[in-house]
Amino acid sequence: MCRLAGKTMKDRAFVEEIITSFTQMRGLTIEPLKLEDYASATDLMNKHKIDYEDALHLASALRAGAQEIVSNDKDFDATTLKRIF
């Protein structure tokens, strides 16, 4: 988001704006990571050829039964989730 807006994560006002925007999205669920996600992420890295950070997001999304993910990261196009941005 920062790169697209020409901002940095050091810009407190921008970060607060992003957080507010996400927390006000209808139907959006923010799923916490669980211990099992860390283990399944390593398998997902290999299966989808994605990095560990993306695999963690994927693991928690799949565990929660998500069918879509909000991301500007094209790496999710190689997964079973539909990427929305």
N, C-alpha and C. Protein backbone atom coordinates (compact mmCIF):
# COMPACT_ATOMS: atom_id res chain seq x y z
N MET A 1 0.82 -1.18 0.00
CA MET A 1 0.00 0.00 0.00
C MET A 1 0.87 1.25 0.00
N CYS A 2 1.92 1.22 0.79
CA CYS A 2 2.78 2.40 0.88
C CYS A 2 3.39 2.74 -0.47
N ARG A 3 3.92 1.73 -1.12
CA ARG A 3 4.57 1.96 -2.41
C ARG A 3 3.57 2.52 -3.41
N LEU A 4 2.37 2.01 -3.42
CA LEU A 4 1.35 2.49 -4.37
C LEU A 4 0.96 3.94 -4.09
N ALA A 5 0.99 4.33 -2.81
CA ALA A 5 0.59 5.68 -2.43
C ALA A 5 1.77 6.65 -2.34
N GLY A 6 2.98 6.12 -2.52
CA GLY A 6 4.16 6.97 -2.40
C GLY A 6 4.43 7.39 -0.96
N LYS A 7 4.04 6.54 -0.01
CA LYS A 7 4.21 6.83 1.42
C LYS A 7 5.15 5.79 2.03
N THR A 8 5.45 5.98 3.32
CA THR A 8 6.26 5.01 4.05
C THR A 8 5.51 4.57 5.31
N MET A 9 5.94 3.46 5.87
CA MET A 9 5.34 2.96 7.10
C MET A 9 5.73 3.82 8.30
N LYS A 10 6.59 4.80 8.09
CA LYS A 10 6.95 5.73 9.16
C LYS A 10 5.95 6.89 9.26
N ASP A 11 5.07 6.99 8.28
CA ASP A 11 4.06 8.05 8.24
C ASP A 11 2.86 7.60 9.07
N ARG A 12 2.83 8.04 10.32
CA ARG A 12 1.80 7.57 11.27
C ARG A 12 0.39 7.85 10.76
N ALA A 13 0.16 9.03 10.21
CA ALA A 13 -1.19 9.38 9.73
C ALA A 13 -1.62 8.43 8.62
N PHE A 14 -0.70 8.10 7.73
CA PHE A 14 -1.03 7.17 6.64
C PHE A 14 -1.34 5.78 7.18
N VAL A 15 -0.54 5.31 8.12
CA VAL A 15 -0.76 3.99 8.73
C VAL A 15 -2.12 3.96 9.42
N GLU A 16 -2.46 5.01 10.15
CA GLU A 16 -3.75 5.07 10.81
C GLU A 16 -4.89 5.08 9.79
N GLU A 17 -4.69 5.74 8.68
CA GLU A 17 -5.70 5.77 7.61
C GLU A 17 -5.92 4.38 7.03
N ILE A 18 -4.85 3.65 6.83
CA ILE A 18 -4.95 2.28 6.32
C ILE A 18 -5.69 1.39 7.31
N ILE A 19 -5.31 1.47 8.57
CA ILE A 19 -5.95 0.65 9.61
C ILE A 19 -7.44 0.96 9.68
N THR A 20 -7.78 2.21 9.67
CA THR A 20 -9.19 2.61 9.71
C THR A 20 -9.94 2.08 8.50
N SER A 21 -9.32 2.19 7.33
CA SER A 21 -9.97 1.70 6.11
C SER A 21 -10.24 0.20 6.19
N PHE A 22 -9.26 -0.56 6.67
CA PHE A 22 -9.45 -2.01 6.76
C PHE A 22 -10.49 -2.37 7.82
N THR A 23 -10.45 -1.73 8.95
CA THR A 23 -11.37 -2.10 10.02
C THR A 23 -12.81 -1.71 9.71
N GLN A 24 -13.02 -0.84 8.74
CA GLN A 24 -14.37 -0.44 8.36
C GLN A 24 -14.90 -1.21 7.15
N MET A 25 -14.10 -2.11 6.58
CA MET A 25 -14.56 -2.88 5.43
C MET A 25 -15.60 -3.91 5.87
N ARG A 26 -16.77 -3.84 5.26
CA ARG A 26 -17.82 -4.82 5.57
C ARG A 26 -17.40 -6.20 5.09
N GLY A 27 -17.60 -7.17 5.94
CA GLY A 27 -17.34 -8.55 5.57
C GLY A 27 -15.88 -8.98 5.70
N LEU A 28 -15.00 -8.06 6.02
CA LEU A 28 -13.58 -8.40 6.16
C LEU A 28 -13.33 -9.00 7.53
N THR A 29 -12.61 -10.11 7.56
CA THR A 29 -12.21 -10.74 8.81
C THR A 29 -10.70 -10.74 8.87
N ILE A 30 -10.15 -10.29 9.97
CA ILE A 30 -8.70 -10.35 10.17
C ILE A 30 -8.44 -11.57 11.04
N GLU A 31 -7.77 -12.55 10.46
CA GLU A 31 -7.55 -13.84 11.11
C GLU A 31 -6.17 -13.87 11.76
N PRO A 32 -6.09 -14.15 13.06
CA PRO A 32 -4.78 -14.22 13.72
C PRO A 32 -4.04 -15.49 13.31
N LEU A 33 -2.72 -15.42 13.35
CA LEU A 33 -1.91 -16.60 13.09
C LEU A 33 -2.00 -17.55 14.28
N LYS A 34 -2.01 -18.83 13.98
CA LYS A 34 -1.99 -19.87 15.01
C LYS A 34 -0.75 -20.72 14.80
N LEU A 35 -0.39 -21.46 15.82
CA LEU A 35 0.82 -22.29 15.76
C LEU A 35 0.81 -23.21 14.55
N GLU A 36 -0.32 -23.78 14.23
CA GLU A 36 -0.41 -24.71 13.10
C GLU A 36 -0.10 -24.03 11.76
N ASP A 37 -0.35 -22.71 11.66
CA ASP A 37 -0.07 -21.99 10.43
C ASP A 37 1.42 -21.96 10.11
N TYR A 38 2.24 -21.83 11.15
CA TYR A 38 3.69 -21.77 10.94
C TYR A 38 4.21 -23.07 10.34
N ALA A 39 3.65 -24.18 10.74
CA ALA A 39 4.07 -25.48 10.21
C ALA A 39 3.53 -25.70 8.80
N SER A 40 2.27 -25.41 8.56
CA SER A 40 1.71 -25.65 7.23
C SER A 40 2.28 -24.69 6.19
N ALA A 41 2.76 -23.53 6.64
CA ALA A 41 3.32 -22.55 5.70
C ALA A 41 4.53 -23.11 4.95
N THR A 42 5.33 -23.93 5.61
CA THR A 42 6.50 -24.48 4.93
C THR A 42 6.08 -25.40 3.78
N ASP A 43 5.02 -26.17 3.99
CA ASP A 43 4.51 -27.02 2.90
C ASP A 43 3.93 -26.17 1.77
N LEU A 44 3.23 -25.10 2.14
CA LEU A 44 2.63 -24.23 1.13
C LEU A 44 3.68 -23.48 0.32
N MET A 45 4.82 -23.18 0.94
CA MET A 45 5.93 -22.54 0.21
C MET A 45 6.33 -23.40 -0.98
N ASN A 46 6.53 -24.67 -0.71
CA ASN A 46 6.97 -25.59 -1.76
C ASN A 46 5.87 -25.85 -2.79
N LYS A 47 4.67 -26.04 -2.30
CA LYS A 47 3.55 -26.36 -3.20
C LYS A 47 3.26 -25.24 -4.19
N HIS A 48 3.31 -23.97 -3.72
CA HIS A 48 2.92 -22.85 -4.57
C HIS A 48 4.09 -21.98 -5.02
N LYS A 49 5.32 -22.37 -4.59
CA LYS A 49 6.53 -21.61 -4.95
C LYS A 49 6.41 -20.14 -4.52
N ILE A 50 6.04 -19.94 -3.24
CA ILE A 50 5.91 -18.60 -2.67
C ILE A 50 6.83 -18.49 -1.46
N ASP A 51 7.09 -17.25 -1.02
CA ASP A 51 7.97 -17.08 0.14
C ASP A 51 7.20 -17.37 1.43
N TYR A 52 7.97 -17.45 2.52
CA TYR A 52 7.37 -17.86 3.80
C TYR A 52 6.33 -16.86 4.29
N GLU A 53 6.57 -15.58 4.11
CA GLU A 53 5.60 -14.57 4.56
C GLU A 53 4.26 -14.76 3.86
N ASP A 54 4.29 -14.93 2.53
CA ASP A 54 3.05 -15.17 1.79
C ASP A 54 2.41 -16.48 2.20
N ALA A 55 3.25 -17.48 2.46
CA ALA A 55 2.74 -18.79 2.87
C ALA A 55 2.04 -18.73 4.22
N LEU A 56 2.51 -17.87 5.12
CA LEU A 56 1.83 -17.69 6.40
C LEU A 56 0.45 -17.09 6.20
N HIS A 57 0.36 -16.09 5.35
CA HIS A 57 -0.94 -15.48 5.07
C HIS A 57 -1.87 -16.51 4.43
N LEU A 58 -1.33 -17.29 3.51
CA LEU A 58 -2.13 -18.32 2.84
C LEU A 58 -2.59 -19.38 3.83
N ALA A 59 -1.70 -19.81 4.70
CA ALA A 59 -2.05 -20.85 5.68
C ALA A 59 -3.20 -20.41 6.58
N SER A 60 -3.14 -19.19 7.07
CA SER A 60 -4.21 -18.72 7.96
C SER A 60 -5.50 -18.52 7.18
N ALA A 61 -5.41 -18.07 5.95
CA ALA A 61 -6.61 -17.87 5.13
C ALA A 61 -7.28 -19.22 4.83
N LEU A 62 -6.48 -20.20 4.46
CA LEU A 62 -7.04 -21.51 4.15
C LEU A 62 -7.66 -22.15 5.40
N ARG A 63 -6.99 -22.02 6.53
CA ARG A 63 -7.52 -22.57 7.78
C ARG A 63 -8.87 -21.94 8.11
N ALA A 64 -9.01 -20.67 7.80
CA ALA A 64 -10.26 -19.96 8.09
C ALA A 64 -11.34 -20.23 7.05
N GLY A 65 -10.98 -20.95 5.99
CA GLY A 65 -11.96 -21.27 4.96
C GLY A 65 -12.15 -20.17 3.93
N ALA A 66 -11.19 -19.26 3.84
CA ALA A 66 -11.29 -18.16 2.87
C ALA A 66 -11.22 -18.68 1.44
N GLN A 67 -11.91 -17.98 0.57
CA GLN A 67 -11.85 -18.29 -0.86
C GLN A 67 -11.20 -17.15 -1.63
N GLU A 68 -11.08 -15.99 -0.95
CA GLU A 68 -10.48 -14.81 -1.56
C GLU A 68 -9.50 -14.18 -0.60
N ILE A 69 -8.54 -13.43 -1.16
CA ILE A 69 -7.58 -12.71 -0.35
C ILE A 69 -7.40 -11.32 -0.95
N VAL A 70 -7.37 -10.32 -0.09
CA VAL A 70 -7.14 -8.94 -0.54
C VAL A 70 -5.64 -8.70 -0.51
N SER A 71 -5.05 -8.52 -1.68
CA SER A 71 -3.61 -8.33 -1.77
C SER A 71 -3.23 -7.74 -3.12
N ASN A 72 -2.16 -6.99 -3.13
CA ASN A 72 -1.61 -6.54 -4.41
C ASN A 72 -0.45 -7.43 -4.83
N ASP A 73 -0.22 -8.50 -4.09
CA ASP A 73 0.89 -9.42 -4.34
C ASP A 73 0.46 -10.49 -5.35
N LYS A 74 1.05 -10.44 -6.53
CA LYS A 74 0.69 -11.37 -7.60
C LYS A 74 1.08 -12.82 -7.29
N ASP A 75 1.92 -13.03 -6.28
CA ASP A 75 2.29 -14.40 -5.90
C ASP A 75 1.07 -15.22 -5.50
N PHE A 76 0.04 -14.55 -4.99
CA PHE A 76 -1.17 -15.28 -4.60
C PHE A 76 -1.96 -15.80 -5.80
N ASP A 77 -1.63 -15.33 -6.99
CA ASP A 77 -2.29 -15.85 -8.20
C ASP A 77 -1.94 -17.32 -8.44
N ALA A 78 -0.84 -17.77 -7.85
CA ALA A 78 -0.41 -19.16 -8.00
C ALA A 78 -1.04 -20.08 -6.96
N THR A 79 -1.94 -19.54 -6.14
CA THR A 79 -2.56 -20.33 -5.08
C THR A 79 -4.02 -20.61 -5.42
N THR A 80 -4.69 -21.28 -4.52
CA THR A 80 -6.10 -21.63 -4.74
C THR A 80 -7.05 -20.48 -4.38
N LEU A 81 -6.52 -19.42 -3.79
CA LEU A 81 -7.36 -18.28 -3.42
C LEU A 81 -7.49 -17.31 -4.60
N LYS A 82 -8.64 -16.68 -4.70
CA LYS A 82 -8.84 -15.63 -5.69
C LYS A 82 -8.30 -14.34 -5.08
N ARG A 83 -7.38 -13.70 -5.79
CA ARG A 83 -6.79 -12.46 -5.29
C ARG A 83 -7.65 -11.28 -5.71
N ILE A 84 -7.98 -10.44 -4.75
CA ILE A 84 -8.79 -9.24 -5.00
C ILE A 84 -7.96 -8.04 -4.62
N PHE A 85 -7.90 -7.09 -5.53
CA PHE A 85 -7.23 -5.84 -5.23
C PHE A 85 -7.83 -4.74 -6.04
